[in-house]
Amino acid sequence: MKAVVVGAGIAGLVTARQLGLAGWDVEVLEKSAVPRPDGYMMDFFGPGVEASERIGLYPRLKEVSYHVEAAEYVNLGGHPTCSLDYDRFARLAGGNVLSLLRPDMERAALAALDDVSSGRVRVRYGAPVSKVWSAEDCVRVGVENTPDGSLAADVLVGADGIHSSVRAQVFGPEEEYLRPLGMRAAAFIVTEPDLNARFRDRFVLTDSIDRVAGLYSLRSDQVAAFMVYRDVPGAAVHLSSGSPRDRLHREFAGLGHAVDRLLELCPEHPYDDVVAQIVMPGWQDGRTVLVGDACGAVSLLAGQGGSLAIAGAALLGDILGPVASPGRIGPALAEFERRWRPVVEEAQAAGRRAVSSFLPANRTQRLLRRWIIRGTRLPGIDRLVARQIVGRIAK
């Protein structure tokens, strides 16, 4: 049996590994020329932990994880206003939480392909998909920049993220499924030894209204930054003026010395995209199935994108891997969606609940957030807050 996986992100690479271990031949197509260097720091907990332990990926993830003592909100002068103790959060979220940079998760998943027999899984970078169509006994994928032009497969897995080209070609245009949450997010990494030393072992976030800038120290002299800001109606003209770096300067200048320094070092084209969820009535059509953000993006507000990517891909491998005949493909893909959809929908609900607390629109909402975070030090209140943050999925 042969599969084509579009997207060499976390979900795509884990799917390819699991199918390869089950004896499938897998081609992974990635439009980017190289593995992507940008992305957020993510809390890895819940179903992803169980899945990664079961499939043998957890040791690789733990090796590249970061130790975080607290998430700390600060005012314009850099003084803390409230903080969330990470050890307590870890216990409430199931006791096994890793802090991982998204590119490190992707590299760990890529390295784990070494567990598959040689030649079973092939990853092609710089290979965007131009077309998808169904044939009588297979699904065919047009591939740009390759001598063969197209590939035939028993199954096509769309793991190409929130702006999935597979989804657009098989299921319909993006606007039918994209549900914006009213904000945009940017992320980039810079070299800054002073900030690295100053903020080591903690997430630092600005206690601000309608925008938040965060940073955390990496292992070298680097600092990773992420910035979230309000995406107002009619912002298309605003977004088209100047580079993404110019836009971040307009939105975040004046939020304190550390943020101003990050803006000085910001690359001209950092990652900058809408914060949104993908909501679809169905994830599979014939021999095509979607996995990860392509069908169920939960947004950074849910804090579980990496966990769900691994757990969903592992489940897809469990169900599809044993399939040995084309006639069993459809029922297998339907079973995957039946079992995984409730988990994704619960995480999406948690993400929607977090909108107002993550990006308060006024002083009252900001004050409420401070009280809630300070309340995590109290027995009982801590469990309520944890459930609000992570949802029932963490259990």
Protein backbone atom coordinates (compact mmCIF):
# COMPACT_ATOMS: atom_id res chain seq x y z
CA MET A 1 0.00 0.00 0.00
CA LYS A 2 1.21 3.51 -0.78
CA ALA A 3 0.37 6.88 0.74
CA VAL A 4 1.18 10.44 -0.24
CA VAL A 5 1.34 12.83 2.72
CA VAL A 6 1.23 16.52 1.88
CA GLY A 7 2.95 18.61 4.54
CA ALA A 8 6.18 17.86 6.43
CA GLY A 9 5.03 19.43 9.68
CA ILE A 10 4.47 17.57 12.93
CA ALA A 11 1.24 15.80 11.91
CA GLY A 12 2.53 14.88 8.46
CA LEU A 13 5.85 13.46 9.64
CA VAL A 14 4.29 11.42 12.45
CA THR A 15 1.65 10.04 10.06
CA ALA A 16 4.37 9.09 7.58
CA ARG A 17 6.43 7.38 10.29
CA GLN A 18 3.53 5.34 11.60
CA LEU A 19 2.43 4.23 8.15
CA GLY A 20 6.02 3.39 7.25
CA LEU A 21 6.38 1.27 10.37
CA ALA A 22 3.19 -0.54 9.34
CA GLY A 23 4.76 -1.46 5.99
CA TRP A 24 3.38 1.28 3.76
CA ASP A 25 5.46 3.15 1.19
CA VAL A 26 5.08 6.87 1.87
CA GLU A 27 5.97 10.01 -0.08
CA VAL A 28 5.95 13.23 1.96
CA LEU A 29 5.61 16.42 -0.10
CA GLU A 30 6.51 19.78 1.47
CA LYS A 31 6.26 23.07 -0.41
CA SER A 32 8.92 24.79 1.73
CA ALA A 33 12.47 24.35 0.50
CA VAL A 34 13.72 23.45 3.99
CA PRO A 35 12.17 22.68 7.39
CA ARG A 36 10.55 25.85 8.68
CA PRO A 37 12.53 27.67 11.40
CA ASP A 38 9.70 29.74 12.89
CA GLY A 39 6.97 28.95 15.40
CA TYR A 40 5.82 29.30 18.98
CA MET A 41 6.79 27.65 22.22
CA MET A 42 4.03 25.14 22.98
CA ASP A 43 2.85 23.34 26.09
CA PHE A 44 2.79 19.64 25.28
CA PHE A 45 0.36 17.65 27.45
CA GLY A 46 -2.77 15.54 27.35
CA PRO A 47 -3.34 13.02 24.54
CA GLY A 48 -0.07 13.88 22.79
CA VAL A 49 1.94 12.68 25.79
CA GLU A 50 0.20 9.30 25.88
CA ALA A 51 0.49 8.90 22.11
CA SER A 52 4.16 9.88 21.95
CA GLU A 53 5.02 7.48 24.76
CA ARG A 54 3.15 4.67 23.01
CA ILE A 55 4.83 5.16 19.63
CA GLY A 56 8.30 5.81 21.06
CA LEU A 57 8.57 9.52 20.23
CA TYR A 58 8.45 10.91 23.77
CA PRO A 59 12.19 10.50 24.60
CA ARG A 60 13.11 12.58 21.53
CA LEU A 61 10.67 15.31 22.58
CA LYS A 62 11.80 15.37 26.19
CA GLU A 63 15.41 15.74 25.05
CA VAL A 64 14.65 19.04 23.25
CA SER A 65 12.18 20.43 25.81
CA TYR A 66 12.73 23.52 27.96
CA HIS A 67 12.43 23.92 31.71
CA VAL A 68 9.92 26.66 32.54
CA GLU A 69 9.36 27.86 36.09
CA ALA A 70 6.54 30.34 35.48
CA ALA A 71 4.51 32.33 32.98
CA GLU A 72 4.85 35.92 34.18
CA TYR A 73 2.89 39.02 33.14
CA VAL A 74 4.77 42.33 33.45
CA ASN A 75 3.82 46.02 33.18
CA LEU A 76 5.52 48.68 31.03
CA GLY A 77 8.33 48.97 33.58
CA GLY A 78 8.99 45.25 33.46
CA HIS A 79 7.62 44.58 36.96
CA PRO A 80 5.45 41.45 37.47
CA THR A 81 1.69 41.90 37.90
CA CYS A 82 0.79 38.20 38.18
CA SER A 83 2.30 34.80 37.41
CA LEU A 84 1.30 31.19 36.83
CA ASP A 85 3.46 28.52 38.50
CA TYR A 86 4.30 25.90 35.89
CA ASP A 87 4.83 22.99 38.26
CA ARG A 88 1.31 23.50 39.61
CA PHE A 89 -0.08 23.85 36.09
CA ALA A 90 1.69 20.64 35.07
CA ARG A 91 0.08 18.69 37.91
CA LEU A 92 -3.38 19.98 37.04
CA ALA A 93 -2.90 19.22 33.33
CA GLY A 94 -2.11 15.58 33.98
CA GLY A 95 1.35 15.74 35.52
CA ASN A 96 3.44 15.41 32.38
CA VAL A 97 3.91 18.73 30.58
CA LEU A 98 6.78 19.59 28.23
CA SER A 99 7.57 23.07 26.90
CA LEU A 100 8.63 22.69 23.29
CA LEU A 101 9.49 25.02 20.44
CA ARG A 102 7.48 24.03 17.37
CA PRO A 103 10.55 23.75 15.06
CA ASP A 104 12.18 21.44 17.63
CA MET A 105 9.09 19.21 17.63
CA GLU A 106 9.23 19.06 13.85
CA ARG A 107 12.92 18.17 13.85
CA ALA A 108 12.31 15.43 16.43
CA ALA A 109 9.54 13.97 14.24
CA LEU A 110 11.81 14.17 11.19
CA ALA A 111 14.64 12.40 13.04
CA ALA A 112 12.20 9.68 14.13
CA LEU A 113 11.80 8.63 10.50
CA ASP A 114 15.11 6.82 11.04
CA ASP A 115 13.07 4.21 12.90
CA VAL A 116 11.46 3.17 9.60
CA SER A 117 13.09 0.68 7.25
CA SER A 118 15.25 2.39 4.66
CA GLY A 119 13.33 3.55 1.59
CA ARG A 120 9.86 3.21 3.11
CA VAL A 121 9.43 6.95 3.70
CA ARG A 122 10.78 9.65 1.41
CA VAL A 123 10.53 13.37 2.21
CA ARG A 124 10.67 15.88 -0.64
CA TYR A 125 11.16 19.56 0.20
CA GLY A 126 10.42 22.25 -2.36
CA ALA A 127 7.62 20.13 -3.83
CA PRO A 128 4.31 22.04 -3.78
CA VAL A 129 1.17 20.21 -4.88
CA SER A 130 -0.45 21.67 -7.99
CA LYS A 131 -3.46 19.40 -8.41
CA VAL A 132 -5.34 16.50 -6.84
CA TRP A 133 -7.69 14.20 -8.72
CA SER A 134 -9.27 10.77 -8.36
CA ALA A 135 -8.60 7.91 -10.75
CA GLU A 136 -10.43 4.60 -10.96
CA ASP A 137 -8.11 2.72 -8.60
CA CYS A 138 -6.07 5.46 -6.91
CA VAL A 139 -5.75 9.13 -6.06
CA ARG A 140 -3.27 11.18 -8.09
CA VAL A 141 -1.27 14.20 -6.96
CA GLY A 142 0.35 16.71 -9.29
CA VAL A 143 3.76 17.76 -7.94
CA GLU A 144 5.62 20.87 -9.05
CA ASN A 145 9.40 20.97 -9.49
CA THR A 146 9.74 17.19 -9.85
CA PRO A 147 10.67 15.10 -12.92
CA ASP A 148 7.77 12.65 -12.57
CA GLY A 149 5.11 15.40 -12.50
CA SER A 150 2.54 13.40 -10.56
CA LEU A 151 2.25 10.56 -8.06
CA ALA A 152 -0.36 7.83 -7.63
CA ALA A 153 -1.31 6.53 -4.20
CA ASP A 154 -3.86 4.41 -2.42
CA VAL A 155 -4.39 7.20 0.14
CA LEU A 156 -3.73 10.94 0.18
CA VAL A 157 -3.21 12.54 3.61
CA GLY A 158 -3.56 16.32 3.75
CA ALA A 159 -1.37 17.48 6.65
CA ASP A 160 -0.52 20.87 5.18
CA GLY A 161 -1.79 23.15 7.90
CA ILE A 162 -4.44 25.77 8.37
CA HIS A 163 -4.10 27.03 4.77
CA SER A 164 -4.20 23.49 3.33
CA SER A 165 -4.02 23.22 -0.45
CA VAL A 166 -5.31 19.64 -0.29
CA ARG A 167 -8.39 20.83 1.60
CA ALA A 168 -8.99 23.60 -0.92
CA GLN A 169 -8.79 21.23 -3.89
CA VAL A 170 -10.78 18.33 -2.47
CA PHE A 171 -13.21 19.91 0.00
CA GLY A 172 -13.63 23.50 -1.18
CA PRO A 173 -12.24 27.02 -0.66
CA GLU A 174 -10.68 28.06 2.64
CA GLU A 175 -13.29 30.68 3.49
CA GLU A 176 -15.88 27.91 3.93
CA TYR A 177 -13.99 26.44 6.89
CA LEU A 178 -11.76 29.16 8.37
CA ARG A 179 -13.17 30.64 11.61
CA PRO A 180 -11.07 33.69 12.64
CA LEU A 181 -10.90 34.44 16.36
CA GLY A 182 -10.37 38.17 15.94
CA MET A 183 -6.59 38.37 16.21
CA ARG A 184 -3.29 37.85 14.42
CA ALA A 185 -0.06 36.31 15.73
CA ALA A 186 3.58 36.80 14.81
CA ALA A 187 6.67 34.85 15.86
CA PHE A 188 10.41 35.19 15.29
CA ILE A 189 13.77 34.34 16.87
CA VAL A 190 16.62 36.81 17.43
CA THR A 191 20.07 36.73 19.01
CA GLU A 192 20.15 38.90 22.12
CA PRO A 193 22.44 37.70 24.98
CA ASP A 194 21.26 40.29 27.53
CA LEU A 195 17.56 39.47 27.19
CA ASN A 196 18.38 35.76 27.08
CA ALA A 197 20.13 35.93 30.45
CA ARG A 198 17.51 38.22 31.99
CA PHE A 199 14.46 36.05 31.25
CA ARG A 200 15.84 32.52 31.43
CA ASP A 201 13.47 29.71 32.55
CA ARG A 202 10.25 31.73 32.33
CA PHE A 203 7.74 32.96 29.82
CA VAL A 204 7.35 36.73 30.03
CA LEU A 205 4.24 38.44 28.64
CA THR A 206 3.16 42.07 28.59
CA ASP A 207 0.12 42.79 30.74
CA SER A 208 -1.43 44.94 28.02
CA ILE A 209 -4.79 45.57 26.33
CA ASP A 210 -5.67 44.49 22.76
CA ARG A 211 -2.13 43.20 22.22
CA VAL A 212 0.37 41.01 24.01
CA ALA A 213 4.06 40.43 23.39
CA GLY A 214 5.82 37.44 24.88
CA LEU A 215 9.37 36.15 24.98
CA TYR A 216 11.41 33.25 26.30
CA SER A 217 15.10 32.40 26.30
CA LEU A 218 16.47 29.61 24.12
CA ARG A 219 19.55 27.48 24.73
CA SER A 220 22.12 29.69 23.01
CA ASP A 221 22.04 33.50 23.16
CA GLN A 222 18.75 33.54 21.28
CA VAL A 223 15.34 34.78 22.35
CA ALA A 224 12.07 33.62 20.82
CA ALA A 225 9.34 36.25 20.54
CA PHE A 226 5.64 35.99 19.83
CA MET A 227 3.21 38.86 19.41
CA VAL A 228 -0.58 38.69 19.28
CA TYR A 229 -2.76 41.65 18.33
CA ARG A 230 -6.33 42.51 17.44
CA ASP A 231 -7.38 41.80 13.86
CA VAL A 232 -9.97 44.53 13.31
CA PRO A 233 -12.68 44.42 10.61
CA GLY A 234 -11.57 46.03 7.38
CA ALA A 235 -7.90 45.53 8.25
CA ALA A 236 -6.95 44.33 4.76
CA VAL A 237 -5.77 47.77 3.69
CA HIS A 238 -3.90 48.19 6.96
CA LEU A 239 -2.19 44.82 6.54
CA SER A 240 -1.10 45.58 3.00
CA SER A 241 0.82 48.71 3.97
CA GLY A 242 4.49 48.06 4.67
CA SER A 243 6.24 44.82 5.62
CA PRO A 244 5.15 42.56 8.49
CA ARG A 245 8.02 44.05 10.50
CA ASP A 246 6.65 47.56 9.94
CA ARG A 247 3.23 46.39 11.06
CA LEU A 248 4.62 44.92 14.28
CA HIS A 249 6.46 48.17 14.98
CA ARG A 250 3.17 50.07 14.66
CA GLU A 251 1.31 47.65 16.92
CA PHE A 252 3.86 47.00 19.66
CA ALA A 253 6.22 49.95 20.02
CA GLY A 254 6.16 51.35 23.56
CA LEU A 255 5.38 48.14 25.46
CA GLY A 256 8.64 48.30 27.39
CA HIS A 257 12.38 48.11 26.82
CA ALA A 258 12.47 44.37 26.12
CA VAL A 259 9.75 44.57 23.46
CA ASP A 260 11.32 47.62 21.81
CA ARG A 261 14.62 45.74 21.63
CA LEU A 262 12.92 42.74 20.01
CA LEU A 263 11.33 45.06 17.44
CA GLU A 264 14.77 46.49 16.59
CA LEU A 265 16.02 42.99 15.78
CA CYS A 266 12.83 41.69 14.13
CA PRO A 267 13.40 40.27 10.61
CA GLU A 268 11.59 41.96 7.75
CA HIS A 269 9.29 38.99 7.16
CA PRO A 270 8.55 37.17 10.44
CA TYR A 271 5.81 34.59 10.66
CA ASP A 272 2.55 36.58 10.85
CA ASP A 273 -0.85 34.98 10.33
CA VAL A 274 -4.46 35.04 11.41
CA VAL A 275 -5.42 33.23 14.63
CA ALA A 276 -8.23 30.94 13.57
CA GLN A 277 -9.81 27.52 13.79
CA ILE A 278 -10.79 25.14 11.01
CA VAL A 279 -14.33 23.77 11.34
CA MET A 280 -15.49 21.22 8.77
CA PRO A 281 -18.50 18.89 8.44
CA GLY A 282 -16.25 16.05 7.22
CA TRP A 283 -12.54 15.27 7.10
CA GLN A 284 -12.43 12.46 4.55
CA ASP A 285 -13.59 12.08 0.97
CA GLY A 286 -12.96 8.88 -0.95
CA ARG A 287 -9.24 8.11 -0.59
CA THR A 288 -8.35 11.52 0.87
CA VAL A 289 -8.22 12.39 4.57
CA LEU A 290 -7.11 15.47 6.48
CA VAL A 291 -5.17 15.47 9.75
CA GLY A 292 -3.79 18.10 12.12
CA ASP A 293 -4.48 21.79 11.52
CA ALA A 294 -5.73 21.07 8.00
CA CYS A 295 -9.03 19.78 9.39
CA GLY A 296 -9.10 20.78 13.05
CA ALA A 297 -6.87 23.73 13.86
CA VAL A 298 -7.56 24.71 17.47
CA SER A 299 -5.46 27.93 17.49
CA LEU A 300 -2.62 28.90 19.81
CA LEU A 301 -5.23 29.89 22.43
CA ALA A 302 -6.03 26.25 23.11
CA GLY A 303 -2.35 25.51 23.69
CA GLN A 304 -2.65 21.97 22.34
CA GLY A 305 -1.83 22.12 18.63
CA GLY A 306 1.35 20.06 18.90
CA SER A 307 -0.23 17.54 21.24
CA LEU A 308 -3.23 17.02 18.98
CA ALA A 309 -1.03 16.82 15.87
CA ILE A 310 0.91 13.89 17.30
CA ALA A 311 -2.05 12.14 18.90
CA GLY A 312 -4.22 12.48 15.80
CA ALA A 313 -1.46 11.28 13.49
CA ALA A 314 -0.72 8.33 15.76
CA LEU A 315 -4.40 7.35 15.77
CA LEU A 316 -4.59 7.63 12.00
CA GLY A 317 -1.57 5.33 11.77
CA ASP A 318 -3.17 2.85 14.17
CA ILE A 319 -6.35 2.64 12.11
CA LEU A 320 -5.00 2.96 8.56
CA GLY A 321 -1.73 1.07 9.03
CA PRO A 322 -3.23 -2.46 9.14
CA VAL A 323 -5.36 -1.85 6.02
CA ALA A 324 -4.14 -4.21 3.28
CA SER A 325 -6.77 -3.75 0.57
CA PRO A 326 -8.30 -0.70 -1.15
CA GLY A 327 -11.81 -1.73 -0.14
CA ARG A 328 -11.00 -1.12 3.53
CA ILE A 329 -9.64 2.41 3.08
CA GLY A 330 -12.98 4.26 3.23
CA PRO A 331 -14.21 2.55 6.43
CA ALA A 332 -10.81 3.11 8.07
CA LEU A 333 -10.82 6.83 7.32
CA ALA A 334 -14.40 7.14 8.57
CA GLU A 335 -13.44 5.36 11.79
CA PHE A 336 -10.53 7.73 12.32
CA GLU A 337 -12.83 10.74 12.05
CA ARG A 338 -15.48 9.18 14.29
CA ARG A 339 -12.98 8.60 17.08
CA TRP A 340 -10.90 11.76 16.78
CA ARG A 341 -13.46 14.48 16.05
CA PRO A 342 -14.84 14.73 19.64
CA VAL A 343 -11.32 15.32 20.99
CA VAL A 344 -10.65 18.10 18.49
CA GLU A 345 -14.02 19.75 19.10
CA GLU A 346 -13.42 19.85 22.87
CA ALA A 347 -10.01 21.50 22.33
CA GLN A 348 -11.55 24.03 19.95
CA ALA A 349 -14.17 24.92 22.55
CA ALA A 350 -11.37 25.53 25.09
CA GLY A 351 -9.64 27.81 22.59
CA ARG A 352 -12.77 29.88 22.03
CA ARG A 353 -13.29 30.25 25.78
CA ALA A 354 -9.77 31.67 26.13
CA VAL A 355 -10.20 34.57 23.67
CA SER A 356 -11.15 37.35 26.10
CA SER A 357 -8.66 36.36 28.80
CA PHE A 358 -5.77 35.96 26.37
CA LEU A 359 -6.30 39.33 24.71
CA PRO A 360 -8.38 41.57 27.02
CA ALA A 361 -10.23 44.39 25.28
CA ASN A 362 -10.37 46.75 28.28
CA ARG A 363 -9.05 47.35 31.79
CA THR A 364 -11.85 45.37 33.40
CA GLN A 365 -11.00 42.24 31.42
CA ARG A 366 -7.32 42.72 32.15
CA LEU A 367 -7.99 43.05 35.88
CA LEU A 368 -10.15 39.92 35.78
CA ARG A 369 -7.29 38.01 34.17
CA ARG A 370 -4.93 39.13 36.93
CA TRP A 371 -7.37 37.95 39.63
CA ILE A 372 -7.84 34.59 37.91
CA ILE A 373 -4.11 33.96 37.56
CA ARG A 374 -3.44 35.02 41.15
CA GLY A 375 -6.26 32.68 42.20
CA THR A 376 -4.33 29.68 40.86
CA ARG A 377 -2.39 29.72 44.13
CA LEU A 378 -5.59 28.73 46.00
CA PRO A 379 -6.79 25.10 46.26
CA GLY A 380 -9.97 24.57 44.26
CA ILE A 381 -9.57 27.74 42.23
CA ASP A 382 -6.46 26.24 40.62
CA ARG A 383 -8.47 23.28 39.29
CA LEU A 384 -11.19 25.53 37.88
CA VAL A 385 -8.60 27.65 36.08
CA ALA A 386 -6.80 24.60 34.72
CA ARG A 387 -10.05 23.27 33.29
CA GLN A 388 -10.74 26.65 31.69
CA ILE A 389 -7.28 26.67 30.12
CA VAL A 390 -6.97 23.08 28.96
CA GLY A 391 -10.53 21.76 28.89
CA ARG A 392 -11.55 18.20 29.70
CA ILE A 393 -9.16 16.96 27.02
CA ALA A 394 -6.21 17.05 29.46
CA LYS A 395 -7.83 14.23 31.41
